[in-house]
């Protein structure tokens, strides 16, 4: 049973690492959205949006709404990652305890 626990612990550690990497990417994207919203607040009504290799003139209000929606979505995803991270960390801690108890009995 100890070998199974060790394998499960390794899988959980890998999953946790993947979650942390994804979380970091979303945090960076959220920072970019926050910076764009801040900059948008200081600009006039003429706003441009980069789409691929083009810079297209767009409505400030529409751009601001799009960024706000993207920010909400990113925050929701980050909250989900936080919950997954916490859940996996708890499972990992329980498995470590089981493995240590098992090792002490031998």
N, C-alpha and C. Protein backbone atom coordinates (compact mmCIF):
# COMPACT_ATOMS: atom_id res chain seq x y z
N UNK A 1 0.82 -1.21 0.00
CA UNK A 1 0.00 0.00 0.00
C UNK A 1 0.86 1.27 0.00
N UNK A 2 2.03 1.16 0.57
CA UNK A 2 2.92 2.31 0.64
C UNK A 2 3.38 2.76 -0.75
N UNK A 3 3.66 1.79 -1.62
CA UNK A 3 4.07 2.13 -2.98
C UNK A 3 2.96 2.85 -3.73
N UNK A 4 1.72 2.40 -3.52
CA UNK A 4 0.58 3.07 -4.14
C UNK A 4 0.45 4.50 -3.63
N UNK A 5 0.67 4.68 -2.33
CA UNK A 5 0.61 6.02 -1.75
C UNK A 5 1.69 6.93 -2.32
N UNK A 6 2.85 6.37 -2.51
CA UNK A 6 3.96 7.16 -3.06
C UNK A 6 3.66 7.57 -4.50
N UNK A 7 3.13 6.62 -5.30
CA UNK A 7 2.77 6.94 -6.68
C UNK A 7 1.66 7.99 -6.72
N UNK A 8 0.67 7.83 -5.86
CA UNK A 8 -0.42 8.81 -5.81
C UNK A 8 0.11 10.18 -5.40
N UNK A 9 1.03 10.18 -4.45
CA UNK A 9 1.63 11.43 -4.01
C UNK A 9 2.38 12.12 -5.16
N UNK A 10 3.09 11.34 -5.95
CA UNK A 10 3.81 11.91 -7.09
C UNK A 10 2.85 12.48 -8.12
N UNK A 11 1.74 11.79 -8.36
CA UNK A 11 0.73 12.30 -9.31
C UNK A 11 0.12 13.60 -8.80
N UNK A 12 -0.15 13.65 -7.52
CA UNK A 12 -0.72 14.87 -6.93
C UNK A 12 0.28 16.02 -7.02
N UNK A 13 1.55 15.72 -6.76
CA UNK A 13 2.58 16.76 -6.87
C UNK A 13 2.68 17.30 -8.29
N UNK A 14 2.57 16.41 -9.29
CA UNK A 14 2.61 16.84 -10.69
C UNK A 14 1.39 17.71 -11.02
N UNK A 15 0.23 17.27 -10.55
CA UNK A 15 -0.99 18.05 -10.78
C UNK A 15 -0.90 19.41 -10.13
N UNK A 16 -0.36 19.43 -8.94
CA UNK A 16 -0.20 20.69 -8.21
C UNK A 16 0.76 21.62 -8.96
N UNK A 17 1.83 21.06 -9.50
CA UNK A 17 2.78 21.86 -10.27
C UNK A 17 2.13 22.44 -11.52
N UNK A 18 1.32 21.63 -12.20
CA UNK A 18 0.61 22.10 -13.40
C UNK A 18 -0.36 23.23 -13.05
N UNK A 19 -1.07 23.07 -11.95
CA UNK A 19 -2.00 24.10 -11.52
C UNK A 19 -1.26 25.40 -11.21
N UNK A 20 -0.13 25.29 -10.54
CA UNK A 20 0.65 26.48 -10.20
C UNK A 20 1.15 27.20 -11.45
N UNK A 21 1.56 26.43 -12.47
CA UNK A 21 2.02 27.05 -13.71
C UNK A 21 0.87 27.75 -14.44
N UNK A 22 -0.29 27.09 -14.50
CA UNK A 22 -1.46 27.70 -15.13
C UNK A 22 -1.90 28.94 -14.36
N UNK A 23 -1.87 28.84 -13.05
CA UNK A 23 -2.27 29.96 -12.19
C UNK A 23 -1.35 31.16 -12.44
N UNK A 24 -0.07 30.89 -12.55
CA UNK A 24 0.90 31.96 -12.80
C UNK A 24 0.62 32.64 -14.14
N UNK A 25 0.29 31.85 -15.16
CA UNK A 25 -0.02 32.42 -16.48
C UNK A 25 -1.27 33.31 -16.41
N UNK A 26 -2.29 32.85 -15.69
CA UNK A 26 -3.50 33.65 -15.55
C UNK A 26 -3.26 34.91 -14.73
N UNK A 27 -2.39 34.82 -13.73
CA UNK A 27 -2.06 36.01 -12.94
C UNK A 27 -1.34 37.05 -13.80
N UNK A 28 -0.47 36.59 -14.68
CA UNK A 28 0.22 37.51 -15.58
C UNK A 28 -0.78 38.17 -16.52
N UNK A 29 -1.70 37.38 -17.05
CA UNK A 29 -2.70 37.92 -17.96
C UNK A 29 -3.60 38.91 -17.23
N UNK A 30 -3.95 38.60 -15.99
CA UNK A 30 -4.77 39.52 -15.19
C UNK A 30 -4.03 40.83 -14.95
N UNK A 31 -2.74 40.76 -14.71
CA UNK A 31 -1.94 41.98 -14.53
C UNK A 31 -1.95 42.83 -15.79
N UNK A 32 -1.87 42.17 -16.95
CA UNK A 32 -1.91 42.89 -18.22
C UNK A 32 -3.27 43.56 -18.42
N UNK A 33 -4.34 42.86 -18.07
CA UNK A 33 -5.69 43.42 -18.20
C UNK A 33 -5.84 44.61 -17.27
N UNK A 34 -5.35 44.48 -16.04
CA UNK A 34 -5.42 45.60 -15.08
C UNK A 34 -4.66 46.82 -15.60
N UNK A 35 -3.48 46.56 -16.16
CA UNK A 35 -2.68 47.66 -16.71
C UNK A 35 -3.41 48.32 -17.89
N UNK A 36 -4.03 47.51 -18.73
CA UNK A 36 -4.77 48.05 -19.87
C UNK A 36 -5.97 48.87 -19.41
N UNK A 37 -6.68 48.39 -18.40
CA UNK A 37 -7.82 49.14 -17.87
C UNK A 37 -7.36 50.46 -17.26
N UNK A 38 -6.24 50.42 -16.56
CA UNK A 38 -5.71 51.64 -15.96
C UNK A 38 -5.35 52.65 -17.05
N UNK A 39 -4.67 52.16 -18.08
CA UNK A 39 -4.27 53.03 -19.19
C UNK A 39 -5.49 53.56 -19.93
N UNK A 40 -6.49 52.72 -20.07
CA UNK A 40 -7.72 53.10 -20.76
C UNK A 40 -8.42 54.24 -20.01
N UNK A 41 -8.30 54.23 -18.69
CA UNK A 41 -8.91 55.28 -17.88
C UNK A 41 -8.25 56.64 -18.07
N UNK A 42 -7.04 56.66 -18.57
CA UNK A 42 -6.32 57.93 -18.74
C UNK A 42 -6.33 58.44 -20.17
N UNK A 43 -6.92 57.66 -21.08
CA UNK A 43 -6.90 58.05 -22.50
C UNK A 43 -8.16 58.82 -22.87
N UNK A 44 -8.08 59.43 -24.01
CA UNK A 44 -9.25 60.11 -24.58
C UNK A 44 -10.18 59.08 -25.19
N UNK A 45 -11.04 59.53 -26.06
CA UNK A 45 -12.03 58.64 -26.66
C UNK A 45 -11.47 57.81 -27.80
N UNK A 46 -10.34 58.20 -28.37
CA UNK A 46 -9.76 57.46 -29.48
C UNK A 46 -8.90 56.32 -28.93
N UNK A 47 -9.33 55.09 -29.19
CA UNK A 47 -8.67 53.91 -28.66
C UNK A 47 -8.40 52.93 -29.80
N UNK A 48 -7.26 52.28 -29.73
CA UNK A 48 -6.89 51.29 -30.73
C UNK A 48 -6.66 49.95 -30.05
N UNK A 49 -7.02 48.89 -30.77
CA UNK A 49 -6.89 47.54 -30.26
C UNK A 49 -6.01 46.76 -31.23
N UNK A 50 -5.09 45.98 -30.70
CA UNK A 50 -4.21 45.18 -31.55
C UNK A 50 -4.89 43.84 -31.80
N UNK A 51 -5.07 43.53 -33.08
CA UNK A 51 -5.66 42.26 -33.49
C UNK A 51 -4.68 41.63 -34.48
N UNK A 52 -3.99 40.61 -34.04
CA UNK A 52 -2.96 40.00 -34.90
C UNK A 52 -1.86 41.01 -35.17
N UNK A 53 -1.64 41.31 -36.44
CA UNK A 53 -0.62 42.27 -36.83
C UNK A 53 -1.20 43.65 -37.11
N UNK A 54 -2.47 43.83 -36.83
CA UNK A 54 -3.14 45.10 -37.12
C UNK A 54 -3.50 45.85 -35.85
N UNK A 55 -3.52 47.16 -35.97
CA UNK A 55 -4.02 48.01 -34.91
C UNK A 55 -5.31 48.64 -35.44
N UNK A 56 -6.42 48.34 -34.77
CA UNK A 56 -7.73 48.76 -35.24
C UNK A 56 -8.35 49.75 -34.27
N UNK A 57 -8.91 50.81 -34.82
CA UNK A 57 -9.60 51.80 -34.00
C UNK A 57 -10.89 51.16 -33.47
N UNK A 58 -11.17 51.37 -32.19
CA UNK A 58 -12.33 50.75 -31.57
C UNK A 58 -12.98 51.71 -30.58
N UNK A 59 -14.17 51.39 -30.15
CA UNK A 59 -14.86 52.23 -29.18
C UNK A 59 -14.28 52.01 -27.79
N UNK A 60 -14.02 53.09 -27.09
CA UNK A 60 -13.45 53.01 -25.76
C UNK A 60 -14.37 52.24 -24.81
N UNK A 61 -15.66 52.55 -24.86
CA UNK A 61 -16.62 51.90 -23.96
C UNK A 61 -16.66 50.39 -24.19
N UNK A 62 -16.68 49.99 -25.46
CA UNK A 62 -16.71 48.57 -25.81
C UNK A 62 -15.44 47.87 -25.35
N UNK A 63 -14.31 48.51 -25.55
CA UNK A 63 -13.03 47.95 -25.13
C UNK A 63 -12.98 47.79 -23.62
N UNK A 64 -13.48 48.80 -22.92
CA UNK A 64 -13.49 48.76 -21.47
C UNK A 64 -14.40 47.63 -20.97
N UNK A 65 -15.55 47.46 -21.59
CA UNK A 65 -16.47 46.37 -21.21
C UNK A 65 -15.81 45.02 -21.46
N UNK A 66 -15.15 44.88 -22.61
CA UNK A 66 -14.47 43.62 -22.94
C UNK A 66 -13.39 43.30 -21.91
N UNK A 67 -12.62 44.31 -21.54
CA UNK A 67 -11.56 44.10 -20.55
C UNK A 67 -12.12 43.77 -19.18
N UNK A 68 -13.20 44.43 -18.79
CA UNK A 68 -13.83 44.15 -17.50
C UNK A 68 -14.35 42.70 -17.47
N UNK A 69 -14.98 42.28 -18.56
CA UNK A 69 -15.47 40.90 -18.64
C UNK A 69 -14.32 39.90 -18.59
N UNK A 70 -13.24 40.21 -19.29
CA UNK A 70 -12.07 39.34 -19.28
C UNK A 70 -11.48 39.27 -17.88
N UNK A 71 -11.46 40.40 -17.19
CA UNK A 71 -10.93 40.45 -15.83
C UNK A 71 -11.77 39.57 -14.89
N UNK A 72 -13.09 39.65 -15.01
CA UNK A 72 -13.96 38.82 -14.18
C UNK A 72 -13.72 37.34 -14.44
N UNK A 73 -13.59 36.99 -15.71
CA UNK A 73 -13.34 35.60 -16.08
C UNK A 73 -12.01 35.12 -15.52
N UNK A 74 -10.98 35.93 -15.65
CA UNK A 74 -9.66 35.56 -15.13
C UNK A 74 -9.69 35.40 -13.61
N UNK A 75 -10.38 36.31 -12.92
CA UNK A 75 -10.48 36.22 -11.47
C UNK A 75 -11.22 34.95 -11.06
N UNK A 76 -12.25 34.58 -11.81
CA UNK A 76 -12.99 33.36 -11.53
C UNK A 76 -12.11 32.13 -11.73
N UNK A 77 -11.35 32.13 -12.80
CA UNK A 77 -10.45 31.01 -13.06
C UNK A 77 -9.36 30.91 -11.99
N UNK A 78 -8.85 32.06 -11.57
CA UNK A 78 -7.84 32.05 -10.52
C UNK A 78 -8.41 31.51 -9.21
N UNK A 79 -9.65 31.86 -8.92
CA UNK A 79 -10.29 31.34 -7.71
C UNK A 79 -10.43 29.82 -7.80
N UNK A 80 -10.78 29.33 -8.98
CA UNK A 80 -10.88 27.88 -9.19
C UNK A 80 -9.53 27.22 -8.98
N UNK A 81 -8.47 27.82 -9.52
CA UNK A 81 -7.13 27.28 -9.32
C UNK A 81 -6.75 27.29 -7.84
N UNK A 82 -7.12 28.35 -7.13
CA UNK A 82 -6.84 28.41 -5.70
C UNK A 82 -7.53 27.25 -4.97
N UNK A 83 -8.79 26.99 -5.32
CA UNK A 83 -9.52 25.90 -4.69
C UNK A 83 -8.90 24.55 -5.01
N UNK A 84 -8.51 24.35 -6.26
CA UNK A 84 -7.87 23.10 -6.65
C UNK A 84 -6.53 22.94 -5.94
N UNK A 85 -5.78 24.03 -5.86
CA UNK A 85 -4.49 23.99 -5.18
C UNK A 85 -4.65 23.61 -3.72
N UNK A 86 -5.62 24.20 -3.07
CA UNK A 86 -5.87 23.91 -1.65
C UNK A 86 -6.28 22.45 -1.47
N UNK A 87 -7.17 21.97 -2.31
CA UNK A 87 -7.64 20.59 -2.23
C UNK A 87 -6.49 19.60 -2.43
N UNK A 88 -5.68 19.84 -3.46
CA UNK A 88 -4.55 18.94 -3.72
C UNK A 88 -3.50 19.02 -2.61
N UNK A 89 -3.29 20.19 -2.07
CA UNK A 89 -2.32 20.34 -0.98
C UNK A 89 -2.77 19.55 0.25
N UNK A 90 -4.07 19.57 0.52
CA UNK A 90 -4.60 18.81 1.65
C UNK A 90 -4.44 17.31 1.42
N UNK A 91 -4.75 16.85 0.21
CA UNK A 91 -4.59 15.43 -0.12
C UNK A 91 -3.13 15.02 0.01
N UNK A 92 -2.25 15.88 -0.47
CA UNK A 92 -0.82 15.61 -0.42
C UNK A 92 -0.35 15.50 1.02
N UNK A 93 -0.81 16.37 1.86
CA UNK A 93 -0.42 16.35 3.27
C UNK A 93 -0.90 15.07 3.96
N UNK A 94 -2.13 14.66 3.65
CA UNK A 94 -2.66 13.41 4.23
C UNK A 94 -1.85 12.21 3.78
N UNK A 95 -1.52 12.18 2.50
CA UNK A 95 -0.71 11.07 1.99
C UNK A 95 0.68 11.04 2.63
N UNK A 96 1.28 12.19 2.79
CA UNK A 96 2.60 12.26 3.45
C UNK A 96 2.52 11.72 4.87
N UNK A 97 1.46 12.10 5.57
CA UNK A 97 1.27 11.60 6.93
C UNK A 97 1.12 10.09 6.94
N UNK A 98 0.32 9.56 6.01
CA UNK A 98 0.12 8.11 5.92
C UNK A 98 1.44 7.39 5.63
N UNK A 99 2.21 7.95 4.72
CA UNK A 99 3.49 7.34 4.35
C UNK A 99 4.45 7.37 5.53
N UNK A 100 4.48 8.49 6.25
CA UNK A 100 5.36 8.58 7.42
C UNK A 100 4.94 7.62 8.51
N UNK A 101 3.63 7.50 8.76
CA UNK A 101 3.13 6.56 9.77
C UNK A 101 3.47 5.13 9.37
N UNK A 102 3.31 4.83 8.09
CA UNK A 102 3.60 3.50 7.59
C UNK A 102 5.10 3.20 7.73
N UNK A 103 5.92 4.17 7.46
CA UNK A 103 7.37 3.99 7.55
C UNK A 103 7.81 3.79 9.00
N UNK A 104 7.18 4.47 9.93
CA UNK A 104 7.53 4.35 11.36
C UNK A 104 7.15 2.99 11.93
N UNK A 105 6.08 2.38 11.38
CA UNK A 105 5.63 1.08 11.86
C UNK A 105 6.59 -0.02 11.46
N UNK A 106 7.33 0.19 10.37
CA UNK A 106 8.25 -0.84 9.87
C UNK A 106 9.51 -0.82 10.60
